[in-house]
Amino acid sequence: MTYAVADLGGGTTEVSVVADGVVQMTGYAGGGEASVAEFTPAQARELAAALVRAANEAENLAPSEPVSVKAQELRRGDVRDGDRSMTVDRVKVDEAISTAHVTWKSDAGRTWTQSYAMDTDIRLRRRGPEAAG
């Protein structure tokens, strides 16, 4: 299986598994010229972790206006606005008692659950990814 990601310059990077469990990353510049790098599975995981850290850092540096959403509309990956980073890990809505049970996760990996009235405004630094339809 091959995974492809478009870049800002109109190029594409393809990632696939080749013979003997090697992960191959092929980048195609806008003109079609290819650049190939190969990684062991451990090196590929290390690269993926570095990309995630860099993406988080870039998002934290990007200027953005906080938004408010209703507790019942929170989704996994939403980041709460405030001094400490808290990310939504899970939301369970109990319509019978008009309550949203939100499980938060800190950067240190600590998790806890808080309950909110479903229509409570929660201020977010940024929204998480849209759920796949």
C-alpha atoms as a PDB file:
ATOM      1  CA  MET A   1       0.000   0.000   0.000  1.00  0.00           C
ATOM      2  CA  THR A   2       1.223   3.498  -0.834  1.00  0.00           C
ATOM      3  CA  TYR A   3       0.315   6.629   1.104  1.00  0.00           C
ATOM      4  CA  ALA A   4       0.616   9.994  -0.649  1.00  0.00           C
ATOM      5  CA  VAL A   5       0.743  13.492   0.831  1.00  0.00           C
ATOM      6  CA  ALA A   6       0.706  16.737  -1.176  1.00  0.00           C
ATOM      7  CA  ASP A   7       3.040  19.518  -0.085  1.00  0.00           C
ATOM      8  CA  LEU A   8       2.658  23.303  -0.212  1.00  0.00           C
ATOM      9  CA  GLY A   9       4.748  23.579  -3.384  1.00  0.00           C
ATOM     10  CA  GLY A  10       2.568  21.288  -5.478  1.00  0.00           C
ATOM     11  CA  GLY A  11       4.789  18.240  -5.061  1.00  0.00           C
ATOM     12  CA  THR A  12       3.895  14.862  -3.587  1.00  0.00           C
ATOM     13  CA  THR A  13       5.542  12.534  -1.098  1.00  0.00           C
ATOM     14  CA  GLU A  14       4.727   8.835  -1.304  1.00  0.00           C
ATOM     15  CA  VAL A  15       5.408   6.382   1.509  1.00  0.00           C
ATOM     16  CA  SER A  16       5.325   2.635   0.940  1.00  0.00           C
ATOM     17  CA  VAL A  17       6.740  -0.632   2.242  1.00  0.00           C
ATOM     18  CA  VAL A  18       9.233  -2.260  -0.109  1.00  0.00           C
ATOM     19  CA  ALA A  19      11.106  -5.584   0.066  1.00  0.00           C
ATOM     20  CA  ASP A  20      12.400  -6.849   3.421  1.00  0.00           C
ATOM     21  CA  GLY A  21      10.237  -4.513   5.507  1.00  0.00           C
ATOM     22  CA  VAL A  22      11.942  -1.311   4.424  1.00  0.00           C
ATOM     23  CA  VAL A  23       9.825   1.856   4.490  1.00  0.00           C
ATOM     24  CA  GLN A  24      10.518   3.943   1.405  1.00  0.00           C
ATOM     25  CA  MET A  25       9.688   7.626   1.122  1.00  0.00           C
ATOM     26  CA  THR A  26       9.749   9.136  -2.364  1.00  0.00           C
ATOM     27  CA  GLY A  27       9.346  12.864  -2.833  1.00  0.00           C
ATOM     28  CA  TYR A  28       8.370  14.335  -6.172  1.00  0.00           C
ATOM     29  CA  ALA A  29       9.117  18.031  -6.630  1.00  0.00           C
ATOM     30  CA  GLY A  30       6.771  20.165  -8.713  1.00  0.00           C
ATOM     31  CA  GLY A  31       8.807  19.262 -11.826  1.00  0.00           C
ATOM     32  CA  GLY A  32       8.503  15.514 -11.234  1.00  0.00           C
ATOM     33  CA  GLU A  33      12.102  14.888 -10.079  1.00  0.00           C
ATOM     34  CA  ALA A  34      12.210  12.103  -7.470  1.00  0.00           C
ATOM     35  CA  SER A  35      14.131  11.948  -4.198  1.00  0.00           C
ATOM     36  CA  VAL A  36      14.165   8.610  -2.323  1.00  0.00           C
ATOM     37  CA  ALA A  37      14.903   7.821   1.343  1.00  0.00           C
ATOM     38  CA  GLU A  38      14.663   4.402   2.999  1.00  0.00           C
ATOM     39  CA  PHE A  39      14.079   3.645   6.685  1.00  0.00           C
ATOM     40  CA  THR A  40      13.810   0.667   9.003  1.00  0.00           C
ATOM     41  CA  PRO A  41      10.435   0.455  10.770  1.00  0.00           C
ATOM     42  CA  ALA A  42      12.035   1.927  13.933  1.00  0.00           C
ATOM     43  CA  GLN A  43      13.510   4.829  11.966  1.00  0.00           C
ATOM     44  CA  ALA A  44      10.152   5.418  10.246  1.00  0.00           C
ATOM     45  CA  ARG A  45       8.421   5.614  13.654  1.00  0.00           C
ATOM     46  CA  GLU A  46      11.083   8.072  14.841  1.00  0.00           C
ATOM     47  CA  LEU A  47      10.529  10.210  11.726  1.00  0.00           C
ATOM     48  CA  ALA A  48       6.752  10.098  12.235  1.00  0.00           C
ATOM     49  CA  ALA A  49       7.125  11.163  15.882  1.00  0.00           C
ATOM     50  CA  ALA A  50       9.411  14.039  14.854  1.00  0.00           C
ATOM     51  CA  LEU A  51       6.854  15.173  12.257  1.00  0.00           C
ATOM     52  CA  VAL A  52       4.065  15.122  14.857  1.00  0.00           C
ATOM     53  CA  ARG A  53       6.175  17.172  17.296  1.00  0.00           C
ATOM     54  CA  ALA A  54       7.042  19.679  14.560  1.00  0.00           C
ATOM     55  CA  ALA A  55       3.384  19.931  13.490  1.00  0.00           C
ATOM     56  CA  ASN A  56       2.315  20.617  17.081  1.00  0.00           C
ATOM     57  CA  GLU A  57       5.016  23.256  17.443  1.00  0.00           C
ATOM     58  CA  ALA A  58       3.983  24.911  14.168  1.00  0.00           C
ATOM     59  CA  GLU A  59       0.328  24.953  15.227  1.00  0.00           C
ATOM     60  CA  ASN A  60       1.236  26.476  18.578  1.00  0.00           C
ATOM     61  CA  LEU A  61       3.216  29.236  16.836  1.00  0.00           C
ATOM     62  CA  ALA A  62       0.534  29.977  14.256  1.00  0.00           C
ATOM     63  CA  PRO A  63      -1.550  32.991  15.183  1.00  0.00           C
ATOM     64  CA  SER A  64      -5.164  32.031  15.626  1.00  0.00           C
ATOM     65  CA  GLU A  65      -8.170  33.405  17.370  1.00  0.00           C
ATOM     66  CA  PRO A  66      -9.647  31.150  20.030  1.00  0.00           C
ATOM     67  CA  VAL A  67     -13.130  29.851  19.271  1.00  0.00           C
ATOM     68  CA  SER A  68     -15.915  28.769  21.588  1.00  0.00           C
ATOM     69  CA  VAL A  69     -18.008  25.672  20.991  1.00  0.00           C
ATOM     70  CA  LYS A  70     -20.755  23.996  22.973  1.00  0.00           C
ATOM     71  CA  ALA A  71     -19.565  21.114  25.156  1.00  0.00           C
ATOM     72  CA  GLN A  72     -21.711  18.672  23.172  1.00  0.00           C
ATOM     73  CA  GLU A  73     -19.918  19.744  19.956  1.00  0.00           C
ATOM     74  CA  LEU A  74     -16.385  19.050  21.214  1.00  0.00           C
ATOM     75  CA  ARG A  75     -14.444  16.462  19.233  1.00  0.00           C
ATOM     76  CA  ARG A  76     -11.294  14.438  19.738  1.00  0.00           C
ATOM     77  CA  GLY A  77      -8.211  16.591  19.182  1.00  0.00           C
ATOM     78  CA  ASP A  78      -9.765  19.912  20.216  1.00  0.00           C
ATOM     79  CA  VAL A  79      -7.274  21.900  22.342  1.00  0.00           C
ATOM     80  CA  ARG A  80      -8.560  23.999  25.239  1.00  0.00           C
ATOM     81  CA  ASP A  81      -7.458  27.625  25.439  1.00  0.00           C
ATOM     82  CA  GLY A  82      -5.505  28.410  28.598  1.00  0.00           C
ATOM     83  CA  ASP A  83      -2.143  28.303  30.334  1.00  0.00           C
ATOM     84  CA  ARG A  84      -1.843  24.507  30.189  1.00  0.00           C
ATOM     85  CA  SER A  85      -2.486  22.450  27.092  1.00  0.00           C
ATOM     86  CA  MET A  86      -5.477  20.126  27.434  1.00  0.00           C
ATOM     87  CA  THR A  87      -6.692  18.080  24.499  1.00  0.00           C
ATOM     88  CA  VAL A  88     -10.065  16.377  24.133  1.00  0.00           C
ATOM     89  CA  ASP A  89      -9.548  12.621  24.144  1.00  0.00           C
ATOM     90  CA  ARG A  90     -13.218  11.571  24.139  1.00  0.00           C
ATOM     91  CA  VAL A  91     -16.716  13.051  24.446  1.00  0.00           C
ATOM     92  CA  LYS A  92     -19.789  11.146  25.558  1.00  0.00           C
ATOM     93  CA  VAL A  93     -23.112  12.971  25.454  1.00  0.00           C
ATOM     94  CA  ASP A  94     -25.903  11.842  27.781  1.00  0.00           C
ATOM     95  CA  GLU A  95     -29.002  13.504  26.357  1.00  0.00           C
ATOM     96  CA  ALA A  96     -31.203  12.108  29.140  1.00  0.00           C
ATOM     97  CA  ILE A  97     -29.504  14.450  31.624  1.00  0.00           C
ATOM     98  CA  SER A  98     -28.306  17.093  29.094  1.00  0.00           C
ATOM     99  CA  THR A  99     -24.676  16.436  29.993  1.00  0.00           C
ATOM    100  CA  ALA A 100     -21.461  16.089  27.999  1.00  0.00           C
ATOM    101  CA  HIS A 101     -18.775  13.972  29.671  1.00  0.00           C
ATOM    102  CA  VAL A 102     -15.419  15.178  28.302  1.00  0.00           C
ATOM    103  CA  THR A 103     -12.209  13.232  28.830  1.00  0.00           C
ATOM    104  CA  TRP A 104      -9.212  15.555  28.646  1.00  0.00           C
ATOM    105  CA  LYS A 105      -5.558  14.603  28.183  1.00  0.00           C
ATOM    106  CA  SER A 106      -2.587  16.724  29.248  1.00  0.00           C
ATOM    107  CA  ASP A 107       0.737  16.955  27.398  1.00  0.00           C
ATOM    108  CA  ALA A 108       2.180  14.845  30.231  1.00  0.00           C
ATOM    109  CA  GLY A 109      -0.309  12.054  29.397  1.00  0.00           C
ATOM    110  CA  ARG A 110      -2.578  12.517  32.429  1.00  0.00           C
ATOM    111  CA  THR A 111      -6.297  12.024  31.688  1.00  0.00           C
ATOM    112  CA  TRP A 112      -9.415  13.055  33.583  1.00  0.00           C
ATOM    113  CA  THR A 113     -13.104  13.409  32.846  1.00  0.00           C
ATOM    114  CA  GLN A 114     -15.256  16.477  33.483  1.00  0.00           C
ATOM    115  CA  SER A 115     -18.991  16.801  33.025  1.00  0.00           C
ATOM    116  CA  TYR A 116     -20.590  19.908  31.512  1.00  0.00           C
ATOM    117  CA  ALA A 117     -24.095  20.985  30.641  1.00  0.00           C
ATOM    118  CA  MET A 118     -24.374  20.233  26.908  1.00  0.00           C
ATOM    119  CA  ASP A 119     -24.790  23.930  26.014  1.00  0.00           C
ATOM    120  CA  THR A 120     -21.760  25.153  28.039  1.00  0.00           C
ATOM    121  CA  ASP A 121     -19.369  27.259  25.951  1.00  0.00           C
ATOM    122  CA  ILE A 122     -15.829  25.831  25.946  1.00  0.00           C
ATOM    123  CA  ARG A 123     -13.094  28.134  24.685  1.00  0.00           C
ATOM    124  CA  LEU A 124     -10.616  26.390  22.361  1.00  0.00           C
ATOM    125  CA  ARG A 125      -7.180  27.368  21.126  1.00  0.00           C
ATOM    126  CA  ARG A 126      -7.726  25.192  18.057  1.00  0.00           C
ATOM    127  CA  ARG A 127     -10.129  22.593  16.697  1.00  0.00           C
ATOM    128  CA  GLY A 128      -9.183  18.966  16.209  1.00  0.00           C
ATOM    129  CA  PRO A 129      -9.544  17.205  12.861  1.00  0.00           C
ATOM    130  CA  GLU A 130     -13.010  16.637  11.436  1.00  0.00           C
ATOM    131  CA  ALA A 131     -14.311  13.128  11.966  1.00  0.00           C
ATOM    132  CA  ALA A 132     -14.128  10.929   8.882  1.00  0.00           C
ATOM    133  CA  GLY A 133     -17.577  10.699   7.341  1.00  0.00           C
END
